[in-house]
Amino acid sequence: MLNVAWRMLKRDWRAGELRILAVALVIAVASVTSVGFFADRVRQALVKEAHQLLGGDVVLIADHPWAANVRDEIAARGLRVAESTTLISMARAGERSQLVGIKAVSDTYPLRGKLRNAPGLNVADAEAERGPARGTVWPDERLALALELKSGDRVELGDAVFTVGAILTLEPDRSTTFFNVAPGTTCSPPGSRTPRAGSSAG
């Protein structure tokens, strides 16, 4: 029985039918594998991009300081935290003024993605290792153009005065919200208090 089956297999192989079937099988397996690999890569890219848009793995938003038990739970889980506070205010530089969306951030911002800045307008930008130093501000390109700002200039935000450290060209978690309709600026608080209105955890 096995001898008959083996002879028939050799005959069909010499005829070429099995070769076509084998090639078709290889192509089918390769196609399924390629599609699965491509879909997995797309999924990973989308997840990574989503985390960058959030600035972290999880974003918690509130209009008041977090309760102590929330902070204790985050610390107990060993999570990294970046905090930010956003508001609308007027920015003044000399005789010029502009309504702006302000984001004050902690030293660990951002947890995901990279900030990019440039020393001035129409200058090549580069990745920033960290956010603005305390007491400095990074206006975005629209604000820098509106107030004619460059590195080293002084900007008034409410009662506080900041020094322009760089021009912000890319902010990973910047979204189209009310705070971002106007030109924006990212800064570190001038004092020692850490902003508490928003947190990103990763």
N, C-alpha and C. Protein backbone atom coordinates (compact mmCIF):
# COMPACT_ATOMS: atom_id res chain seq x y z
N MET A 1 0.83 -1.20 0.00
CA MET A 1 0.00 0.00 0.00
C MET A 1 0.87 1.26 0.00
N LEU A 2 1.90 1.23 0.87
CA LEU A 2 2.80 2.38 0.92
C LEU A 2 3.59 2.51 -0.37
N ASN A 3 3.95 1.37 -0.95
CA ASN A 3 4.70 1.42 -2.21
C ASN A 3 3.86 2.04 -3.32
N VAL A 4 2.58 1.70 -3.35
CA VAL A 4 1.69 2.26 -4.37
C VAL A 4 1.54 3.76 -4.18
N ALA A 5 1.36 4.16 -2.93
CA ALA A 5 1.21 5.59 -2.65
C ALA A 5 2.48 6.35 -3.02
N TRP A 6 3.65 5.75 -2.71
CA TRP A 6 4.91 6.42 -3.03
C TRP A 6 5.10 6.55 -4.53
N ARG A 7 4.75 5.51 -5.32
CA ARG A 7 4.87 5.57 -6.76
C ARG A 7 3.94 6.64 -7.35
N MET A 8 2.72 6.72 -6.82
CA MET A 8 1.78 7.73 -7.31
C MET A 8 2.27 9.14 -6.97
N LEU A 9 2.88 9.28 -5.79
CA LEU A 9 3.41 10.60 -5.40
C LEU A 9 4.52 11.02 -6.34
N LYS A 10 5.44 10.08 -6.67
CA LYS A 10 6.55 10.41 -7.58
C LYS A 10 6.02 10.73 -8.97
N ARG A 11 4.99 9.99 -9.40
CA ARG A 11 4.41 10.25 -10.71
C ARG A 11 3.79 11.64 -10.78
N ASP A 12 3.01 12.01 -9.74
CA ASP A 12 2.38 13.33 -9.71
C ASP A 12 3.42 14.45 -9.60
N TRP A 13 4.51 14.15 -8.87
CA TRP A 13 5.56 15.17 -8.74
C TRP A 13 6.24 15.42 -10.08
N ARG A 14 6.51 14.32 -10.84
CA ARG A 14 7.12 14.47 -12.16
C ARG A 14 6.17 15.17 -13.12
N ALA A 15 4.88 14.99 -12.93
CA ALA A 15 3.91 15.64 -13.81
C ALA A 15 3.83 17.14 -13.56
N GLY A 16 4.25 17.60 -12.37
CA GLY A 16 4.29 19.04 -12.09
C GLY A 16 3.12 19.55 -11.28
N GLU A 17 2.10 18.76 -11.07
CA GLU A 17 0.93 19.24 -10.34
C GLU A 17 1.25 19.51 -8.87
N LEU A 18 2.02 18.60 -8.26
CA LEU A 18 2.36 18.80 -6.85
C LEU A 18 3.28 20.00 -6.66
N ARG A 19 4.14 20.24 -7.66
CA ARG A 19 5.02 21.40 -7.56
C ARG A 19 4.22 22.70 -7.51
N ILE A 20 3.21 22.77 -8.36
CA ILE A 20 2.35 23.96 -8.36
C ILE A 20 1.63 24.10 -7.02
N LEU A 21 1.15 22.97 -6.50
CA LEU A 21 0.47 22.99 -5.21
C LEU A 21 1.42 23.43 -4.09
N ALA A 22 2.66 22.94 -4.13
CA ALA A 22 3.64 23.30 -3.10
C ALA A 22 3.98 24.79 -3.17
N VAL A 23 4.16 25.29 -4.39
CA VAL A 23 4.46 26.72 -4.55
C VAL A 23 3.29 27.57 -4.06
N ALA A 24 2.06 27.15 -4.39
CA ALA A 24 0.88 27.90 -3.95
C ALA A 24 0.77 27.89 -2.43
N LEU A 25 1.12 26.75 -1.82
CA LEU A 25 1.06 26.65 -0.36
C LEU A 25 2.10 27.57 0.29
N VAL A 26 3.30 27.62 -0.27
CA VAL A 26 4.35 28.51 0.26
C VAL A 26 3.92 29.97 0.15
N ILE A 27 3.35 30.33 -1.01
CA ILE A 27 2.90 31.71 -1.21
C ILE A 27 1.79 32.08 -0.22
N ALA A 28 0.87 31.15 0.00
CA ALA A 28 -0.24 31.41 0.92
C ALA A 28 0.27 31.62 2.35
N VAL A 29 1.18 30.75 2.79
CA VAL A 29 1.73 30.88 4.14
C VAL A 29 2.51 32.19 4.28
N ALA A 30 3.30 32.51 3.25
CA ALA A 30 4.08 33.76 3.29
C ALA A 30 3.17 34.97 3.33
N SER A 31 2.07 34.93 2.57
CA SER A 31 1.14 36.05 2.53
C SER A 31 0.47 36.26 3.89
N VAL A 32 0.00 35.16 4.48
CA VAL A 32 -0.66 35.27 5.79
C VAL A 32 0.32 35.78 6.84
N THR A 33 1.55 35.27 6.81
CA THR A 33 2.58 35.70 7.76
C THR A 33 2.90 37.18 7.58
N SER A 34 3.02 37.62 6.32
CA SER A 34 3.35 39.02 6.03
C SER A 34 2.24 39.95 6.50
N VAL A 35 0.99 39.57 6.24
CA VAL A 35 -0.14 40.40 6.66
C VAL A 35 -0.20 40.50 8.19
N GLY A 36 0.01 39.35 8.86
CA GLY A 36 0.01 39.36 10.32
C GLY A 36 1.13 40.22 10.88
N PHE A 37 2.32 40.12 10.28
CA PHE A 37 3.46 40.92 10.73
C PHE A 37 3.18 42.41 10.51
N PHE A 38 2.65 42.74 9.33
CA PHE A 38 2.34 44.14 9.02
C PHE A 38 1.29 44.71 9.97
N ALA A 39 0.24 43.92 10.24
CA ALA A 39 -0.82 44.38 11.14
C ALA A 39 -0.28 44.59 12.55
N ASP A 40 0.63 43.70 12.99
CA ASP A 40 1.22 43.86 14.32
C ASP A 40 2.08 45.12 14.40
N ARG A 41 2.83 45.39 13.34
CA ARG A 41 3.66 46.60 13.32
C ARG A 41 2.81 47.86 13.33
N VAL A 42 1.71 47.84 12.58
CA VAL A 42 0.80 48.99 12.57
C VAL A 42 0.19 49.19 13.95
N ARG A 43 -0.21 48.11 14.60
CA ARG A 43 -0.79 48.21 15.93
C ARG A 43 0.22 48.81 16.92
N GLN A 44 1.46 48.34 16.87
CA GLN A 44 2.48 48.86 17.76
C GLN A 44 2.74 50.35 17.50
N ALA A 45 2.75 50.73 16.22
CA ALA A 45 2.98 52.13 15.89
C ALA A 45 1.83 53.01 16.39
N LEU A 46 0.59 52.52 16.25
CA LEU A 46 -0.56 53.29 16.71
C LEU A 46 -0.56 53.43 18.23
N VAL A 47 -0.20 52.36 18.94
CA VAL A 47 -0.14 52.42 20.40
C VAL A 47 0.93 53.41 20.84
N LYS A 48 2.09 53.35 20.19
CA LYS A 48 3.18 54.26 20.53
C LYS A 48 2.78 55.71 20.26
N GLU A 49 2.13 55.93 19.11
CA GLU A 49 1.71 57.29 18.78
C GLU A 49 0.65 57.79 19.74
N ALA A 50 -0.26 56.90 20.15
CA ALA A 50 -1.30 57.29 21.11
C ALA A 50 -0.69 57.70 22.44
N HIS A 51 0.32 56.96 22.90
CA HIS A 51 0.99 57.31 24.15
C HIS A 51 1.70 58.64 24.04
N GLN A 52 2.29 58.92 22.87
CA GLN A 52 2.96 60.19 22.69
C GLN A 52 1.96 61.34 22.67
N LEU A 53 0.80 61.11 22.08
CA LEU A 53 -0.23 62.15 22.07
C LEU A 53 -0.73 62.45 23.48
N LEU A 54 -0.72 61.43 24.33
CA LEU A 54 -1.13 61.63 25.72
C LEU A 54 0.02 62.19 26.57
N GLY A 55 1.24 61.96 26.14
CA GLY A 55 2.39 62.35 26.94
C GLY A 55 2.69 61.34 28.03
N GLY A 56 1.99 60.20 28.05
CA GLY A 56 2.18 59.16 29.05
C GLY A 56 1.27 57.99 28.74
N ASP A 57 1.27 56.99 29.60
CA ASP A 57 0.38 55.84 29.41
C ASP A 57 -1.04 56.14 29.88
N VAL A 58 -1.15 56.94 30.92
CA VAL A 58 -2.46 57.30 31.49
C VAL A 58 -2.43 58.78 31.83
N VAL A 59 -3.53 59.47 31.56
CA VAL A 59 -3.64 60.89 31.89
C VAL A 59 -4.80 61.08 32.86
N LEU A 60 -4.54 61.73 33.97
CA LEU A 60 -5.56 62.08 34.95
C LEU A 60 -5.73 63.59 34.93
N ILE A 61 -6.97 64.05 34.81
CA ILE A 61 -7.23 65.49 34.71
C ILE A 61 -8.22 65.90 35.79
N ALA A 62 -7.93 67.01 36.45
CA ALA A 62 -8.83 67.53 37.48
C ALA A 62 -8.65 69.04 37.56
N ASP A 63 -9.65 69.71 38.15
CA ASP A 63 -9.57 71.16 38.33
C ASP A 63 -9.19 71.52 39.77
N HIS A 64 -8.62 70.54 40.51
CA HIS A 64 -8.21 70.76 41.88
C HIS A 64 -7.04 69.83 42.19
N PRO A 65 -6.26 70.10 43.24
CA PRO A 65 -5.15 69.21 43.59
C PRO A 65 -5.64 67.80 43.90
N TRP A 66 -4.82 66.81 43.56
CA TRP A 66 -5.19 65.43 43.83
C TRP A 66 -5.16 65.14 45.32
N ALA A 67 -6.04 64.24 45.74
CA ALA A 67 -6.06 63.82 47.14
C ALA A 67 -4.78 63.06 47.47
N ALA A 68 -4.41 63.07 48.73
CA ALA A 68 -3.16 62.44 49.15
C ALA A 68 -3.15 60.94 48.85
N ASN A 69 -4.31 60.29 48.94
CA ASN A 69 -4.34 58.84 48.72
C ASN A 69 -4.05 58.49 47.26
N VAL A 70 -4.40 59.40 46.32
CA VAL A 70 -4.09 59.16 44.91
C VAL A 70 -2.58 59.19 44.71
N ARG A 71 -1.95 60.20 45.28
CA ARG A 71 -0.49 60.31 45.16
C ARG A 71 0.20 59.13 45.84
N ASP A 72 -0.31 58.70 46.99
CA ASP A 72 0.28 57.56 47.70
C ASP A 72 0.18 56.28 46.86
N GLU A 73 -0.96 56.11 46.19
CA GLU A 73 -1.15 54.91 45.36
C GLU A 73 -0.20 54.92 44.17
N ILE A 74 -0.03 56.08 43.55
CA ILE A 74 0.91 56.19 42.42
C ILE A 74 2.33 55.89 42.88
N ALA A 75 2.71 56.43 44.04
CA ALA A 75 4.06 56.18 44.57
C ALA A 75 4.24 54.71 44.93
N ALA A 76 3.18 54.09 45.50
CA ALA A 76 3.27 52.68 45.90
C ALA A 76 3.46 51.76 44.70
N ARG A 77 2.91 52.14 43.56
CA ARG A 77 3.04 51.32 42.36
C ARG A 77 4.33 51.61 41.60
N GLY A 78 5.09 52.56 42.06
CA GLY A 78 6.38 52.86 41.44
C GLY A 78 6.27 53.50 40.07
N LEU A 79 5.19 54.25 39.83
CA LEU A 79 4.98 54.88 38.54
C LEU A 79 5.72 56.21 38.44
N ARG A 80 6.19 56.51 37.26
CA ARG A 80 6.76 57.82 37.00
C ARG A 80 5.61 58.80 36.72
N VAL A 81 5.71 60.02 37.21
CA VAL A 81 4.63 60.99 37.09
C VAL A 81 5.17 62.31 36.56
N ALA A 82 4.45 62.91 35.63
CA ALA A 82 4.73 64.27 35.18
C ALA A 82 3.46 65.08 35.40
N GLU A 83 3.61 66.27 35.90
CA GLU A 83 2.45 67.10 36.21
C GLU A 83 2.47 68.38 35.38
N SER A 84 1.28 68.88 35.08
CA SER A 84 1.18 70.12 34.31
C SER A 84 -0.08 70.88 34.71
N THR A 85 -0.03 72.18 34.56
CA THR A 85 -1.18 73.05 34.78
C THR A 85 -1.37 73.91 33.55
N THR A 86 -2.58 73.99 33.05
CA THR A 86 -2.86 74.81 31.87
C THR A 86 -3.82 75.93 32.22
N LEU A 87 -3.63 77.06 31.58
CA LEU A 87 -4.50 78.21 31.79
C LEU A 87 -4.37 79.17 30.63
N ILE A 88 -5.31 80.08 30.54
CA ILE A 88 -5.28 81.14 29.53
C ILE A 88 -4.90 82.44 30.22
N SER A 89 -3.97 83.18 29.62
CA SER A 89 -3.56 84.45 30.19
C SER A 89 -3.02 85.35 29.07
N MET A 90 -2.58 86.53 29.46
CA MET A 90 -1.97 87.45 28.52
C MET A 90 -0.45 87.39 28.67
N ALA A 91 0.23 87.35 27.55
CA ALA A 91 1.69 87.43 27.53
C ALA A 91 2.08 88.81 27.01
N ARG A 92 3.06 89.41 27.66
CA ARG A 92 3.51 90.74 27.26
C ARG A 92 5.02 90.74 27.09
N ALA A 93 5.44 91.37 26.01
CA ALA A 93 6.87 91.55 25.75
C ALA A 93 7.03 92.96 25.20
N GLY A 94 7.55 93.86 26.01
CA GLY A 94 7.64 95.26 25.59
C GLY A 94 6.27 95.87 25.44
N GLU A 95 6.00 96.43 24.27
CA GLU A 95 4.70 97.05 24.00
C GLU A 95 3.71 96.07 23.38
N ARG A 96 4.14 94.86 23.13
CA ARG A 96 3.28 93.88 22.47
C ARG A 96 2.64 92.95 23.51
N SER A 97 1.43 92.51 23.22
CA SER A 97 0.73 91.57 24.10
C SER A 97 -0.05 90.59 23.25
N GLN A 98 -0.32 89.42 23.82
CA GLN A 98 -1.00 88.35 23.07
C GLN A 98 -1.69 87.41 24.05
N LEU A 99 -2.95 87.05 23.75
CA LEU A 99 -3.64 86.03 24.53
C LEU A 99 -3.00 84.68 24.24
N VAL A 100 -2.64 83.94 25.28
CA VAL A 100 -1.91 82.69 25.08
C VAL A 100 -2.47 81.58 25.95
N GLY A 101 -2.24 80.35 25.54
CA GLY A 101 -2.48 79.18 26.37
C GLY A 101 -1.18 78.80 27.04
N ILE A 102 -1.16 78.77 28.36
CA ILE A 102 0.06 78.52 29.12
C ILE A 102 0.02 77.12 29.71
N LYS A 103 1.13 76.42 29.63
CA LYS A 103 1.26 75.12 30.28
C LYS A 103 2.51 75.16 31.16
N ALA A 104 2.31 75.05 32.47
CA ALA A 104 3.42 74.94 33.41
C ALA A 104 3.64 73.47 33.70
N VAL A 105 4.87 73.00 33.57
CA VAL A 105 5.14 71.57 33.65
C VAL A 105 6.18 71.27 34.72
N SER A 106 6.16 70.03 35.20
CA SER A 106 7.15 69.58 36.18
C SER A 106 8.43 69.15 35.46
N ASP A 107 9.46 68.85 36.23
CA ASP A 107 10.76 68.52 35.65
C ASP A 107 10.74 67.22 34.85
N THR A 108 9.79 66.33 35.12
CA THR A 108 9.76 65.03 34.46
C THR A 108 8.98 65.03 33.15
N TYR A 109 8.39 66.16 32.77
CA TYR A 109 7.58 66.25 31.55
C TYR A 109 8.49 66.29 30.32
N PRO A 110 8.13 65.60 29.21
CA PRO A 110 7.05 64.62 29.07
C PRO A 110 7.55 63.21 29.36
N LEU A 111 6.62 62.32 29.74
CA LEU A 111 6.98 60.94 29.99
C LEU A 111 7.12 60.16 28.69
N ARG A 112 6.33 60.49 27.70
CA ARG A 112 6.37 59.84 26.40
C ARG A 112 6.60 60.90 25.33
N GLY A 113 7.30 60.54 24.29
CA GLY A 113 7.56 61.48 23.22
C GLY A 113 8.71 62.41 23.58
N LYS A 114 9.06 63.28 22.67
CA LYS A 114 10.17 64.21 22.86
C LYS A 114 9.74 65.63 22.51
N LEU A 115 10.23 66.56 23.30
CA LEU A 115 10.08 67.97 22.96
C LEU A 115 11.17 68.34 21.96
N ARG A 116 10.84 69.26 21.08
CA ARG A 116 11.83 69.80 20.15
C ARG A 116 11.80 71.31 20.25
N ASN A 117 12.96 71.92 20.19
CA ASN A 117 13.02 73.38 20.24
C ASN A 117 14.14 73.89 19.36
N ALA A 118 14.17 75.19 19.17
CA ALA A 118 15.18 75.84 18.35
C ALA A 118 15.60 77.13 19.06
N PRO A 119 16.80 77.61 18.83
CA PRO A 119 17.23 78.85 19.47
C PRO A 119 16.52 80.09 18.95
N GLY A 120 15.85 79.98 17.81
CA GLY A 120 15.13 81.13 17.25
C GLY A 120 14.24 80.70 16.12
N LEU A 121 13.51 81.64 15.56
CA LEU A 121 12.63 81.35 14.42
C LEU A 121 13.47 81.07 13.18
N ASN A 122 12.95 80.16 12.34
CA ASN A 122 13.60 79.81 11.08
C ASN A 122 15.01 79.27 11.30
N VAL A 123 15.19 78.58 12.41
CA VAL A 123 16.46 77.93 12.74
C VAL A 123 16.18 76.44 12.93
N ALA A 124 17.11 75.60 12.51
CA ALA A 124 16.93 74.16 12.65
C ALA A 124 16.70 73.79 14.11
N ASP A 125 15.71 72.92 14.34
CA ASP A 125 15.40 72.51 15.72
C ASP A 125 16.10 71.21 16.05
N ALA A 126 15.99 70.81 17.32
CA ALA A 126 16.61 69.57 17.79
C ALA A 126 15.80 69.06 18.98
N GLU A 127 15.97 67.78 19.30
CA GLU A 127 15.29 67.20 20.46
C GLU A 127 15.84 67.81 21.74
N ALA A 128 14.94 68.05 22.69
CA ALA A 128 15.33 68.57 24.00
C ALA A 128 15.39 67.41 24.98
N GLU A 129 16.43 67.37 25.79
CA GLU A 129 16.58 66.31 26.77
C GLU A 129 15.54 66.41 27.88
N ARG A 130 15.10 67.62 28.19
CA ARG A 130 14.12 67.86 29.24
C ARG A 130 13.37 69.14 28.92
N GLY A 131 12.38 69.48 29.76
CA GLY A 131 11.59 70.68 29.54
C GLY A 131 12.34 71.94 29.93
N PRO A 132 11.63 73.07 29.93
CA PRO A 132 12.26 74.35 30.27
C PRO A 132 12.82 74.35 31.68
N ALA A 133 13.95 75.01 31.88
CA ALA A 133 14.50 75.18 33.22
C ALA A 133 13.58 76.09 34.02
N ARG A 134 13.63 75.99 35.34
CA ARG A 134 12.77 76.79 36.20
C ARG A 134 12.99 78.28 35.94
N GLY A 135 11.88 78.99 35.75
CA GLY A 135 11.94 80.41 35.50
C GLY A 135 12.12 80.78 34.04
N THR A 136 12.16 79.78 33.17
CA THR A 136 12.27 80.05 31.73
C THR A 136 10.99 79.63 31.02
N VAL A 137 10.82 80.09 29.81
CA VAL A 137 9.62 79.80 29.04
C VAL A 137 10.02 79.49 27.61
N TRP A 138 9.28 78.54 26.99
CA TRP A 138 9.49 78.21 25.58
C TRP A 138 8.22 78.59 24.82
N PRO A 139 8.16 79.75 24.20
CA PRO A 139 6.99 80.09 23.38
C PRO A 139 6.99 79.28 22.10
N ASP A 140 5.79 78.97 21.61
CA ASP A 140 5.75 78.28 20.32
C ASP A 140 6.01 79.29 19.20
N GLU A 141 6.08 78.79 17.98
CA GLU A 141 6.48 79.65 16.87
C GLU A 141 5.47 80.76 16.61
N ARG A 142 4.17 80.48 16.79
CA ARG A 142 3.17 81.53 16.58
C ARG A 142 3.33 82.66 17.57
N LEU A 143 3.56 82.31 18.84
CA LEU A 143 3.73 83.34 19.86
C LEU A 143 5.03 84.11 19.66
N ALA A 144 6.09 83.39 19.33
CA ALA A 144 7.38 84.05 19.10
C ALA A 144 7.27 85.04 17.94
N LEU A 145 6.52 84.68 16.93
CA LEU A 145 6.34 85.58 15.79
C LEU A 145 5.48 86.77 16.19
N ALA A 146 4.40 86.53 16.95
CA ALA A 146 3.49 87.61 17.32
C ALA A 146 4.16 88.63 18.24
N LEU A 147 5.02 88.15 19.16
CA LEU A 147 5.67 89.05 20.12
C LEU A 147 7.11 89.37 19.74
N GLU A 148 7.54 88.85 18.57
CA GLU A 148 8.91 89.08 18.09
C GLU A 148 9.93 88.65 19.14
N LEU A 149 9.80 87.40 19.60
CA LEU A 149 10.65 86.90 20.67
C LEU A 149 11.84 86.11 20.13
N LYS A 150 12.90 86.13 20.89
CA LYS A 150 14.07 85.30 20.63
C LYS A 150 14.67 84.90 21.97
N SER A 151 15.59 83.95 21.93
CA SER A 151 16.21 83.47 23.17
C SER A 151 16.84 84.63 23.94
N GLY A 152 16.58 84.64 25.26
CA GLY A 152 17.12 85.68 26.11
C GLY A 152 16.17 86.82 26.38
N ASP A 153 15.09 86.94 25.60
CA ASP A 153 14.11 88.01 25.83
C ASP A 153 13.32 87.75 27.11
N ARG A 154 12.71 88.77 27.64
CA ARG A 154 11.89 88.67 28.85
C ARG A 154 10.41 88.72 28.46
N VAL A 155 9.62 87.87 29.09
CA VAL A 155 8.18 87.79 28.82
C VAL A 155 7.44 87.86 30.14
N GLU A 156 6.39 88.65 30.19
CA GLU A 156 5.55 88.74 31.39
C GLU A 156 4.32 87.87 31.19
N LEU A 157 4.08 87.00 32.15
CA LEU A 157 2.86 86.17 32.18
C LEU A 157 2.18 86.46 33.50
N GLY A 158 1.14 87.29 33.48
CA GLY A 158 0.52 87.74 34.71
C GLY A 158 1.50 88.60 35.49
N ASP A 159 1.73 88.24 36.76
CA ASP A 159 2.67 88.98 37.60
C ASP A 159 4.09 88.42 37.53
N ALA A 160 4.27 87.32 36.83
CA ALA A 160 5.58 86.67 36.77
C ALA A 160 6.33 87.09 35.50
N VAL A 161 7.64 87.12 35.61
CA VAL A 161 8.50 87.45 34.47
C VAL A 161 9.38 86.25 34.18
N PHE A 162 9.39 85.82 32.92
CA PHE A 162 10.16 84.66 32.50
C PHE A 162 11.18 85.07 31.44
N THR A 163 12.21 84.26 31.31
CA THR A 163 13.20 84.44 30.25
C THR A 163 12.95 83.41 29.16
N VAL A 164 12.97 83.85 27.92
CA VAL A 164 12.79 82.93 26.79
C VAL A 164 14.03 82.06 26.67
N GLY A 165 13.86 80.76 26.87
CA GLY A 165 14.99 79.85 26.78
C GLY A 165 15.18 79.28 25.39
N ALA A 166 14.09 79.10 24.65
CA ALA A 166 14.14 78.54 23.30
C ALA A 166 12.76 78.71 22.67
N ILE A 167 12.67 78.40 21.40
CA ILE A 167 11.39 78.43 20.68
C ILE A 167 10.91 76.99 20.55
N LEU A 168 9.72 76.71 21.06
CA LEU A 168 9.15 75.36 21.02
C LEU A 168 8.64 75.05 19.62
N THR A 169 9.13 73.96 19.04
CA THR A 169 8.68 73.56 17.70
C THR A 169 7.81 72.32 17.70
N LEU A 170 7.95 71.47 18.73
CA LEU A 170 7.13 70.26 18.80
C LEU A 170 6.86 69.92 20.25
N GLU A 171 5.57 69.70 20.54
CA GLU A 171 5.12 69.29 21.87
C GLU A 171 4.29 68.03 21.69
N PRO A 172 4.74 66.86 22.16
CA PRO A 172 4.09 65.59 21.80
C PRO A 172 2.63 65.50 22.17
N ASP A 173 2.21 66.08 23.31
CA ASP A 173 0.83 65.92 23.74
C ASP A 173 -0.03 67.14 23.44
N ARG A 174 0.42 68.00 22.54
CA ARG A 174 -0.36 69.18 22.20
C ARG A 174 -1.55 68.75 21.35
N SER A 175 -2.75 69.13 21.76
CA SER A 175 -3.97 68.76 21.05
C SER A 175 -4.78 70.00 20.72
N THR A 176 -5.80 69.82 19.90
CA THR A 176 -6.64 70.94 19.52
C THR A 176 -7.72 71.13 20.56
N THR A 177 -7.43 71.90 21.58
CA THR A 177 -8.38 72.21 22.63
C THR A 177 -8.50 73.71 22.74
N PHE A 178 -9.38 74.16 23.64
CA PHE A 178 -9.55 75.59 23.84
C PHE A 178 -8.23 76.25 24.22
N PHE A 179 -7.41 75.52 25.00
CA PHE A 179 -6.15 76.08 25.45
C PHE A 179 -5.16 76.23 24.31
N ASN A 180 -5.35 75.50 23.22
CA ASN A 180 -4.39 75.53 22.14
C ASN A 180 -4.88 76.28 20.91
N VAL A 181 -6.04 76.91 20.99
CA VAL A 181 -6.51 77.73 19.88
C VAL A 181 -5.61 78.95 19.73
N ALA A 182 -5.25 79.57 20.87
CA ALA A 182 -4.33 80.70 20.87
C ALA A 182 -2.90 80.19 20.82
N PRO A 183 -1.94 81.05 20.43
CA PRO A 183 -0.54 80.64 20.53
C PRO A 183 -0.23 80.17 21.94
N GLY A 184 0.71 79.29 22.07
CA GLY A 184 0.97 78.70 23.38
C GLY A 184 2.40 78.86 23.83
N THR A 185 2.61 78.55 25.11
CA THR A 185 3.94 78.58 25.68
C THR A 185 4.03 77.53 26.77
N THR A 186 5.18 76.90 26.88
CA THR A 186 5.45 75.91 27.91
C THR A 186 6.51 76.46 28.83
N CYS A 187 6.29 76.35 30.13
CA CYS A 187 7.24 76.93 31.07
C CYS A 187 7.35 76.07 32.30
N SER A 188 8.39 76.34 33.09
CA SER A 188 8.51 75.78 34.42
C SER A 188 8.14 76.86 35.40
N PRO A 189 7.45 76.53 36.49
CA PRO A 189 7.01 77.54 37.45
C PRO A 189 8.19 78.32 38.01
N PRO A 190 8.02 79.62 38.26
CA PRO A 190 9.12 80.41 38.79
C PRO A 190 9.45 80.08 40.23
N GLY A 191 8.47 79.56 41.00
CA GLY A 191 8.69 79.23 42.40
C GLY A 191 8.98 77.77 42.58
N SER A 192 8.78 77.31 43.81
CA SER A 192 9.09 75.90 44.11
C SER A 192 7.87 75.02 44.08
N ARG A 193 6.70 75.58 43.94
CA ARG A 193 5.49 74.77 43.98
C ARG A 193 5.31 74.02 42.68
N THR A 194 4.96 72.76 42.77
CA THR A 194 4.75 71.93 41.59
C THR A 194 3.30 72.02 41.16
N PRO A 195 3.03 72.25 39.83
CA PRO A 195 1.64 72.31 39.38
C PRO A 195 0.96 70.97 39.57
N ARG A 196 -0.36 71.00 39.85
CA ARG A 196 -1.05 69.79 40.24
C ARG A 196 -2.33 69.52 39.44
N ALA A 197 -2.63 70.29 38.44
CA ALA A 197 -3.93 70.12 37.81
C ALA A 197 -4.02 68.92 36.89
N GLY A 198 -2.92 68.50 36.32
CA GLY A 198 -2.96 67.35 35.41
C GLY A 198 -1.77 66.45 35.65
N SER A 199 -1.95 65.17 35.45
CA SER A 199 -0.85 64.24 35.67
C SER A 199 -0.84 63.22 34.55
N SER A 200 0.37 62.84 34.11
CA SER A 200 0.56 61.75 33.19
C SER A 200 1.38 60.69 33.89
N ALA A 201 0.97 59.45 33.78
CA ALA A 201 1.70 58.37 34.45
C ALA A 201 2.18 57.36 33.43
N GLY A 202 3.35 56.85 33.64
CA GLY A 202 3.87 55.85 32.72
C GLY A 202 4.83 54.93 33.41
